[in-house]
Amino acid sequence: MRLVIQRVTKAEVSVEGVVRGRIGQGYVVLLGVGAEDEEKTARVYADKLLKLRIFADESGRTNRSLADVGGEVMVVSQFTLYADCKKGSRPSFIRAGEPARARELYEYFVAYLKEKGVTAATGEFGAHMEVSLVNDGPFTIILDESLL
């Protein structure tokens, strides 16, 4: 699993001009599911996401979590995080999860966040989406296989 986490002040995702999800302060998470991922993987990454302390406290230090600031999460499926550009000019996506299984784990990840009490918005799995956001900082973190 690979996550690109952007701390935002607001964000929205649209499909064919229709807004599908919108959040205020929180994270936009671009989520890539790998071929070897399973539900345990999704739980590990979701728990890590929820524990990150990358919001400023009253001293301006990054010491507050999503829960501490009442933040929200927008999760956007992003199989292209598994692009392998080592050979040639056209990326290979062979390490990305098979679409049906990737959808299951994407939905599981979002449901798990909601079970933990987080407001989670989404786009549409597999659709061409337009994501607009205001990156706060900017503050962007990448979580990948090295987490496990």
N, C-alpha and C. Protein backbone atom coordinates (compact mmCIF):
# COMPACT_ATOMS: atom_id res chain seq x y z
N MET A 1 0.85 -1.17 0.00
CA MET A 1 0.00 0.00 0.00
C MET A 1 0.90 1.23 0.00
N ARG A 2 0.45 2.23 -0.70
CA ARG A 2 1.18 3.50 -0.72
C ARG A 2 0.19 4.63 -0.50
N LEU A 3 0.58 5.56 0.37
CA LEU A 3 -0.25 6.72 0.65
C LEU A 3 0.57 7.98 0.46
N VAL A 4 -0.02 8.94 -0.22
CA VAL A 4 0.51 10.29 -0.26
C VAL A 4 -0.48 11.13 0.54
N ILE A 5 0.00 11.70 1.63
CA ILE A 5 -0.85 12.43 2.57
C ILE A 5 -0.52 13.91 2.47
N GLN A 6 -1.53 14.71 2.17
CA GLN A 6 -1.35 16.14 2.10
C GLN A 6 -2.23 16.80 3.16
N ARG A 7 -1.58 17.58 4.00
CA ARG A 7 -2.34 18.35 5.00
C ARG A 7 -2.99 19.51 4.27
N VAL A 8 -4.32 19.66 4.45
CA VAL A 8 -5.06 20.67 3.69
C VAL A 8 -5.94 21.50 4.62
N THR A 9 -6.30 22.69 4.12
CA THR A 9 -7.30 23.50 4.82
C THR A 9 -8.69 23.21 4.27
N LYS A 10 -8.72 22.73 2.99
CA LYS A 10 -9.98 22.31 2.37
C LYS A 10 -9.66 21.55 1.10
N ALA A 11 -10.63 20.74 0.66
CA ALA A 11 -10.45 19.99 -0.58
C ALA A 11 -11.81 19.50 -1.08
N GLU A 12 -11.86 19.23 -2.39
CA GLU A 12 -13.04 18.60 -2.95
C GLU A 12 -12.63 17.77 -4.16
N VAL A 13 -13.46 16.78 -4.45
CA VAL A 13 -13.23 15.92 -5.61
C VAL A 13 -14.52 15.88 -6.43
N SER A 14 -14.34 16.01 -7.77
CA SER A 14 -15.48 16.01 -8.69
C SER A 14 -15.31 14.93 -9.74
N VAL A 15 -16.43 14.40 -10.18
CA VAL A 15 -16.47 13.45 -11.30
C VAL A 15 -17.47 14.00 -12.30
N GLU A 16 -17.01 14.24 -13.52
CA GLU A 16 -17.85 14.80 -14.58
C GLU A 16 -18.58 16.07 -14.13
N GLY A 17 -17.85 16.93 -13.43
CA GLY A 17 -18.40 18.21 -13.00
C GLY A 17 -19.27 18.17 -11.77
N VAL A 18 -19.50 16.98 -11.20
CA VAL A 18 -20.33 16.85 -10.00
C VAL A 18 -19.44 16.60 -8.79
N VAL A 19 -19.58 17.44 -7.77
CA VAL A 19 -18.77 17.27 -6.55
C VAL A 19 -19.22 16.00 -5.84
N ARG A 20 -18.28 15.09 -5.61
CA ARG A 20 -18.57 13.81 -4.94
C ARG A 20 -18.16 13.82 -3.49
N GLY A 21 -17.17 14.65 -3.15
CA GLY A 21 -16.71 14.72 -1.78
C GLY A 21 -16.09 16.07 -1.50
N ARG A 22 -16.21 16.49 -0.24
CA ARG A 22 -15.68 17.79 0.17
C ARG A 22 -15.30 17.71 1.64
N ILE A 23 -14.15 18.28 1.98
CA ILE A 23 -13.74 18.33 3.39
C ILE A 23 -13.19 19.72 3.71
N GLY A 24 -13.13 19.98 5.01
CA GLY A 24 -12.44 21.17 5.51
C GLY A 24 -11.04 20.75 5.92
N GLN A 25 -10.56 21.27 7.03
CA GLN A 25 -9.21 20.97 7.51
C GLN A 25 -9.02 19.47 7.69
N GLY A 26 -7.89 18.98 7.24
CA GLY A 26 -7.59 17.57 7.41
C GLY A 26 -6.55 17.08 6.43
N TYR A 27 -6.80 15.88 5.88
CA TYR A 27 -5.87 15.24 4.95
C TYR A 27 -6.57 14.89 3.65
N VAL A 28 -5.87 15.08 2.55
CA VAL A 28 -6.21 14.41 1.30
C VAL A 28 -5.22 13.26 1.21
N VAL A 29 -5.76 12.05 1.06
CA VAL A 29 -4.94 10.85 0.98
C VAL A 29 -5.11 10.24 -0.39
N LEU A 30 -4.03 10.20 -1.15
CA LEU A 30 -4.00 9.47 -2.40
C LEU A 30 -3.59 8.06 -2.02
N LEU A 31 -4.45 7.08 -2.29
CA LEU A 31 -4.25 5.71 -1.82
C LEU A 31 -4.04 4.76 -2.98
N GLY A 32 -2.87 4.13 -2.99
CA GLY A 32 -2.56 3.11 -3.99
C GLY A 32 -2.54 1.75 -3.32
N VAL A 33 -3.22 0.79 -3.90
CA VAL A 33 -3.27 -0.57 -3.36
C VAL A 33 -2.36 -1.45 -4.20
N GLY A 34 -1.47 -2.17 -3.51
CA GLY A 34 -0.54 -3.06 -4.19
C GLY A 34 -1.09 -4.48 -4.32
N ALA A 35 -0.46 -5.24 -5.17
CA ALA A 35 -0.90 -6.61 -5.45
C ALA A 35 -0.86 -7.51 -4.22
N GLU A 36 0.00 -7.24 -3.27
CA GLU A 36 0.15 -8.09 -2.09
C GLU A 36 -0.65 -7.61 -0.88
N ASP A 37 -1.34 -6.51 -1.00
CA ASP A 37 -2.02 -5.92 0.15
C ASP A 37 -3.24 -6.73 0.59
N GLU A 38 -3.57 -6.59 1.87
CA GLU A 38 -4.71 -7.27 2.46
C GLU A 38 -5.33 -6.36 3.51
N GLU A 39 -6.40 -6.81 4.16
CA GLU A 39 -7.08 -5.96 5.14
C GLU A 39 -6.16 -5.52 6.26
N LYS A 40 -5.29 -6.40 6.71
CA LYS A 40 -4.34 -6.04 7.77
C LYS A 40 -3.49 -4.85 7.33
N THR A 41 -3.06 -4.85 6.07
CA THR A 41 -2.27 -3.75 5.53
C THR A 41 -3.05 -2.45 5.63
N ALA A 42 -4.30 -2.49 5.24
CA ALA A 42 -5.14 -1.29 5.28
C ALA A 42 -5.29 -0.77 6.71
N ARG A 43 -5.47 -1.67 7.67
CA ARG A 43 -5.59 -1.26 9.08
C ARG A 43 -4.30 -0.60 9.58
N VAL A 44 -3.16 -1.19 9.25
CA VAL A 44 -1.87 -0.64 9.69
C VAL A 44 -1.69 0.78 9.15
N TYR A 45 -1.97 0.97 7.86
CA TYR A 45 -1.80 2.29 7.27
C TYR A 45 -2.82 3.30 7.81
N ALA A 46 -4.05 2.87 8.00
CA ALA A 46 -5.08 3.77 8.54
C ALA A 46 -4.72 4.18 9.97
N ASP A 47 -4.28 3.22 10.78
CA ASP A 47 -3.89 3.55 12.15
C ASP A 47 -2.72 4.53 12.18
N LYS A 48 -1.75 4.32 11.30
CA LYS A 48 -0.60 5.23 11.23
C LYS A 48 -1.07 6.63 10.82
N LEU A 49 -1.95 6.70 9.84
CA LEU A 49 -2.50 7.97 9.38
C LEU A 49 -3.15 8.72 10.54
N LEU A 50 -3.96 8.00 11.32
CA LEU A 50 -4.69 8.64 12.42
C LEU A 50 -3.78 9.09 13.55
N LYS A 51 -2.63 8.47 13.69
CA LYS A 51 -1.71 8.83 14.77
C LYS A 51 -0.71 9.91 14.40
N LEU A 52 -0.59 10.21 13.11
CA LEU A 52 0.36 11.24 12.70
C LEU A 52 0.07 12.55 13.41
N ARG A 53 1.12 13.18 13.89
CA ARG A 53 0.98 14.47 14.57
C ARG A 53 1.65 15.53 13.68
N ILE A 54 0.88 16.03 12.73
CA ILE A 54 1.46 16.99 11.78
C ILE A 54 0.66 18.30 11.70
N PHE A 55 -0.18 18.52 12.70
CA PHE A 55 -0.87 19.80 12.80
C PHE A 55 -0.21 20.61 13.91
N ALA A 56 -0.18 21.92 13.73
CA ALA A 56 0.50 22.79 14.68
C ALA A 56 -0.26 22.90 16.00
N ASP A 57 0.51 22.91 17.08
CA ASP A 57 -0.06 23.18 18.40
C ASP A 57 0.00 24.69 18.66
N GLU A 58 -0.33 25.11 19.87
CA GLU A 58 -0.35 26.55 20.17
C GLU A 58 1.03 27.20 20.10
N SER A 59 2.11 26.38 20.12
CA SER A 59 3.46 26.91 19.98
C SER A 59 3.95 26.87 18.54
N GLY A 60 3.11 26.38 17.63
CA GLY A 60 3.50 26.30 16.24
C GLY A 60 4.27 25.03 15.87
N ARG A 61 4.41 24.11 16.81
CA ARG A 61 5.11 22.86 16.56
C ARG A 61 4.13 21.81 16.03
N THR A 62 4.58 20.96 15.12
CA THR A 62 3.72 19.90 14.59
C THR A 62 3.59 18.82 15.65
N ASN A 63 2.54 18.96 16.44
CA ASN A 63 2.38 18.11 17.62
C ASN A 63 0.94 17.64 17.81
N ARG A 64 0.06 17.95 16.87
CA ARG A 64 -1.35 17.59 17.04
C ARG A 64 -1.79 16.63 15.94
N SER A 65 -2.65 15.70 16.31
CA SER A 65 -3.16 14.70 15.36
C SER A 65 -4.45 15.19 14.71
N LEU A 66 -4.93 14.38 13.79
CA LEU A 66 -6.19 14.66 13.12
C LEU A 66 -7.33 14.80 14.13
N ALA A 67 -7.38 13.89 15.09
CA ALA A 67 -8.42 13.94 16.12
C ALA A 67 -8.29 15.20 16.98
N ASP A 68 -7.06 15.60 17.26
CA ASP A 68 -6.83 16.79 18.09
C ASP A 68 -7.40 18.05 17.46
N VAL A 69 -7.43 18.10 16.13
CA VAL A 69 -7.93 19.31 15.45
C VAL A 69 -9.32 19.11 14.87
N GLY A 70 -9.92 17.94 15.10
CA GLY A 70 -11.25 17.67 14.55
C GLY A 70 -11.23 17.61 13.03
N GLY A 71 -10.13 17.10 12.47
CA GLY A 71 -9.95 17.09 11.02
C GLY A 71 -10.71 15.99 10.31
N GLU A 72 -10.79 16.14 9.00
CA GLU A 72 -11.48 15.20 8.13
C GLU A 72 -10.48 14.61 7.14
N VAL A 73 -10.90 13.55 6.45
CA VAL A 73 -10.02 12.90 5.48
C VAL A 73 -10.78 12.71 4.17
N MET A 74 -10.10 13.00 3.07
CA MET A 74 -10.61 12.65 1.75
C MET A 74 -9.67 11.60 1.19
N VAL A 75 -10.23 10.44 0.83
CA VAL A 75 -9.43 9.35 0.29
C VAL A 75 -9.74 9.21 -1.20
N VAL A 76 -8.68 9.29 -2.01
CA VAL A 76 -8.81 9.22 -3.46
C VAL A 76 -7.99 8.03 -3.96
N SER A 77 -8.63 7.11 -4.67
CA SER A 77 -7.92 5.96 -5.21
C SER A 77 -6.90 6.43 -6.25
N GLN A 78 -5.71 5.81 -6.22
CA GLN A 78 -4.62 6.30 -7.07
C GLN A 78 -3.67 5.16 -7.43
N PHE A 79 -4.10 4.29 -8.35
CA PHE A 79 -3.25 3.15 -8.71
C PHE A 79 -1.93 3.60 -9.32
N THR A 80 -1.87 4.82 -9.86
CA THR A 80 -0.65 5.29 -10.48
C THR A 80 0.50 5.48 -9.49
N LEU A 81 0.22 5.37 -8.20
CA LEU A 81 1.30 5.41 -7.21
C LEU A 81 2.21 4.19 -7.35
N TYR A 82 1.74 3.19 -8.09
CA TYR A 82 2.54 1.99 -8.34
C TYR A 82 3.22 2.01 -9.71
N ALA A 83 3.32 3.17 -10.32
CA ALA A 83 4.00 3.29 -11.62
C ALA A 83 5.47 2.91 -11.49
N ASP A 84 5.91 2.03 -12.37
CA ASP A 84 7.31 1.65 -12.44
C ASP A 84 7.86 2.22 -13.74
N CYS A 85 8.76 3.18 -13.63
CA CYS A 85 9.28 3.88 -14.80
C CYS A 85 10.73 3.52 -15.08
N LYS A 86 11.19 2.39 -14.55
CA LYS A 86 12.60 2.01 -14.72
C LYS A 86 12.96 1.72 -16.17
N LYS A 87 12.07 1.08 -16.91
CA LYS A 87 12.38 0.70 -18.29
C LYS A 87 11.50 1.48 -19.25
N GLY A 88 12.10 2.02 -20.26
CA GLY A 88 11.35 2.70 -21.30
C GLY A 88 10.71 3.99 -20.84
N SER A 89 9.74 4.45 -21.63
CA SER A 89 9.07 5.72 -21.36
C SER A 89 7.63 5.56 -20.92
N ARG A 90 7.13 4.33 -20.99
CA ARG A 90 5.74 4.10 -20.60
C ARG A 90 5.73 3.35 -19.27
N PRO A 91 5.08 3.91 -18.24
CA PRO A 91 5.07 3.26 -16.92
C PRO A 91 4.38 1.89 -16.95
N SER A 92 4.88 1.01 -16.12
CA SER A 92 4.25 -0.29 -15.91
C SER A 92 3.53 -0.24 -14.56
N PHE A 93 2.38 -0.87 -14.49
CA PHE A 93 1.60 -0.89 -13.26
C PHE A 93 1.41 -2.31 -12.74
N ILE A 94 2.36 -3.17 -13.05
CA ILE A 94 2.24 -4.58 -12.71
C ILE A 94 2.18 -4.83 -11.20
N ARG A 95 2.74 -3.94 -10.40
CA ARG A 95 2.72 -4.12 -8.94
C ARG A 95 1.45 -3.56 -8.29
N ALA A 96 0.62 -2.88 -9.06
CA ALA A 96 -0.65 -2.37 -8.53
C ALA A 96 -1.61 -3.54 -8.33
N GLY A 97 -2.50 -3.38 -7.36
CA GLY A 97 -3.49 -4.41 -7.09
C GLY A 97 -4.48 -4.57 -8.22
N GLU A 98 -4.97 -5.79 -8.40
CA GLU A 98 -6.01 -6.07 -9.38
C GLU A 98 -7.23 -5.22 -9.04
N PRO A 99 -7.88 -4.60 -10.02
CA PRO A 99 -8.92 -3.61 -9.74
C PRO A 99 -10.02 -4.03 -8.76
N ALA A 100 -10.57 -5.22 -8.89
CA ALA A 100 -11.66 -5.62 -7.99
C ALA A 100 -11.17 -5.71 -6.55
N ARG A 101 -9.99 -6.31 -6.36
CA ARG A 101 -9.43 -6.42 -5.01
C ARG A 101 -9.01 -5.05 -4.48
N ALA A 102 -8.45 -4.21 -5.35
CA ALA A 102 -8.06 -2.86 -4.94
C ALA A 102 -9.27 -2.07 -4.46
N ARG A 103 -10.39 -2.21 -5.18
CA ARG A 103 -11.62 -1.53 -4.77
C ARG A 103 -12.06 -2.00 -3.37
N GLU A 104 -12.02 -3.30 -3.15
CA GLU A 104 -12.40 -3.85 -1.83
C GLU A 104 -11.55 -3.25 -0.72
N LEU A 105 -10.23 -3.20 -0.94
CA LEU A 105 -9.34 -2.67 0.10
C LEU A 105 -9.47 -1.17 0.26
N TYR A 106 -9.72 -0.46 -0.83
CA TYR A 106 -9.97 0.98 -0.77
C TYR A 106 -11.22 1.24 0.08
N GLU A 107 -12.29 0.51 -0.21
CA GLU A 107 -13.53 0.68 0.55
C GLU A 107 -13.36 0.24 2.01
N TYR A 108 -12.59 -0.80 2.23
CA TYR A 108 -12.30 -1.25 3.59
C TYR A 108 -11.55 -0.16 4.36
N PHE A 109 -10.55 0.45 3.72
CA PHE A 109 -9.76 1.51 4.33
C PHE A 109 -10.66 2.67 4.77
N VAL A 110 -11.55 3.10 3.87
CA VAL A 110 -12.46 4.21 4.18
C VAL A 110 -13.42 3.81 5.31
N ALA A 111 -13.98 2.61 5.24
CA ALA A 111 -14.90 2.15 6.30
C ALA A 111 -14.19 2.07 7.64
N TYR A 112 -12.93 1.63 7.64
CA TYR A 112 -12.16 1.54 8.88
C TYR A 112 -11.95 2.92 9.50
N LEU A 113 -11.64 3.91 8.66
CA LEU A 113 -11.50 5.28 9.17
C LEU A 113 -12.80 5.75 9.82
N LYS A 114 -13.93 5.46 9.15
CA LYS A 114 -15.23 5.87 9.68
C LYS A 114 -15.54 5.16 11.00
N GLU A 115 -15.17 3.87 11.10
CA GLU A 115 -15.35 3.14 12.36
C GLU A 115 -14.58 3.78 13.49
N LYS A 116 -13.46 4.40 13.15
CA LYS A 116 -12.62 5.08 14.15
C LYS A 116 -13.13 6.48 14.46
N GLY A 117 -14.26 6.86 13.86
CA GLY A 117 -14.88 8.14 14.18
C GLY A 117 -14.46 9.30 13.30
N VAL A 118 -13.78 9.02 12.21
CA VAL A 118 -13.29 10.08 11.33
C VAL A 118 -14.31 10.35 10.22
N THR A 119 -14.54 11.62 9.93
CA THR A 119 -15.34 11.98 8.77
C THR A 119 -14.47 11.76 7.55
N ALA A 120 -14.92 10.85 6.67
CA ALA A 120 -14.12 10.50 5.49
C ALA A 120 -14.96 10.68 4.23
N ALA A 121 -14.45 11.46 3.30
CA ALA A 121 -15.08 11.67 2.00
C ALA A 121 -14.28 10.91 0.95
N THR A 122 -14.91 10.65 -0.18
CA THR A 122 -14.23 9.93 -1.26
C THR A 122 -14.62 10.52 -2.60
N GLY A 123 -13.88 10.07 -3.58
CA GLY A 123 -14.25 10.34 -4.96
C GLY A 123 -15.02 9.12 -5.45
N GLU A 124 -14.68 8.66 -6.65
CA GLU A 124 -15.31 7.47 -7.20
C GLU A 124 -14.20 6.55 -7.71
N PHE A 125 -14.12 5.38 -7.15
CA PHE A 125 -13.06 4.44 -7.51
C PHE A 125 -13.07 4.20 -9.01
N GLY A 126 -11.90 4.33 -9.63
CA GLY A 126 -11.75 4.03 -11.04
C GLY A 126 -12.20 5.12 -12.00
N ALA A 127 -12.78 6.17 -11.48
CA ALA A 127 -13.27 7.25 -12.35
C ALA A 127 -12.18 8.27 -12.61
N HIS A 128 -12.35 9.03 -13.67
CA HIS A 128 -11.50 10.20 -13.92
C HIS A 128 -12.01 11.30 -12.99
N MET A 129 -11.15 11.73 -12.07
CA MET A 129 -11.57 12.70 -11.05
C MET A 129 -10.77 13.99 -11.16
N GLU A 130 -11.37 15.05 -10.70
CA GLU A 130 -10.67 16.32 -10.54
C GLU A 130 -10.63 16.62 -9.05
N VAL A 131 -9.41 16.72 -8.53
CA VAL A 131 -9.22 16.97 -7.11
C VAL A 131 -8.66 18.37 -6.95
N SER A 132 -9.32 19.18 -6.16
CA SER A 132 -8.79 20.51 -5.87
C SER A 132 -8.59 20.59 -4.36
N LEU A 133 -7.50 21.23 -3.99
CA LEU A 133 -7.17 21.31 -2.57
C LEU A 133 -6.32 22.53 -2.29
N VAL A 134 -6.33 22.91 -1.03
CA VAL A 134 -5.41 23.94 -0.56
C VAL A 134 -4.47 23.24 0.40
N ASN A 135 -3.24 22.99 -0.08
CA ASN A 135 -2.23 22.30 0.70
C ASN A 135 -1.73 23.25 1.77
N ASP A 136 -1.81 22.84 3.00
CA ASP A 136 -1.46 23.66 4.16
C ASP A 136 -0.01 23.42 4.53
N GLY A 137 0.82 24.38 4.22
CA GLY A 137 2.24 24.27 4.57
C GLY A 137 3.15 24.71 3.44
N PRO A 138 3.27 23.96 2.38
CA PRO A 138 2.69 22.64 2.12
C PRO A 138 3.33 21.58 3.02
N PHE A 139 2.52 20.60 3.34
CA PHE A 139 2.96 19.50 4.19
C PHE A 139 2.48 18.21 3.54
N THR A 140 3.42 17.46 2.98
CA THR A 140 3.10 16.23 2.27
C THR A 140 4.00 15.11 2.77
N ILE A 141 3.40 13.96 3.06
CA ILE A 141 4.13 12.79 3.57
C ILE A 141 3.79 11.59 2.70
N ILE A 142 4.78 10.74 2.47
CA ILE A 142 4.56 9.50 1.72
C ILE A 142 4.76 8.32 2.66
N LEU A 143 3.77 7.44 2.70
CA LEU A 143 3.90 6.17 3.42
C LEU A 143 3.88 5.06 2.39
N ASP A 144 4.86 4.16 2.46
CA ASP A 144 4.91 3.07 1.50
C ASP A 144 5.28 1.76 2.20
N GLU A 145 5.72 0.78 1.43
CA GLU A 145 5.98 -0.55 1.97
C GLU A 145 6.98 -0.55 3.12
N SER A 146 7.80 0.46 3.22
CA SER A 146 8.79 0.48 4.31
C SER A 146 8.13 0.58 5.67
N LEU A 147 6.83 0.91 5.71
CA LEU A 147 6.10 1.01 6.98
C LEU A 147 5.90 -0.36 7.61
N LEU A 148 5.81 -1.41 6.80
CA LEU A 148 5.54 -2.75 7.32
C LEU A 148 6.80 -3.51 7.66
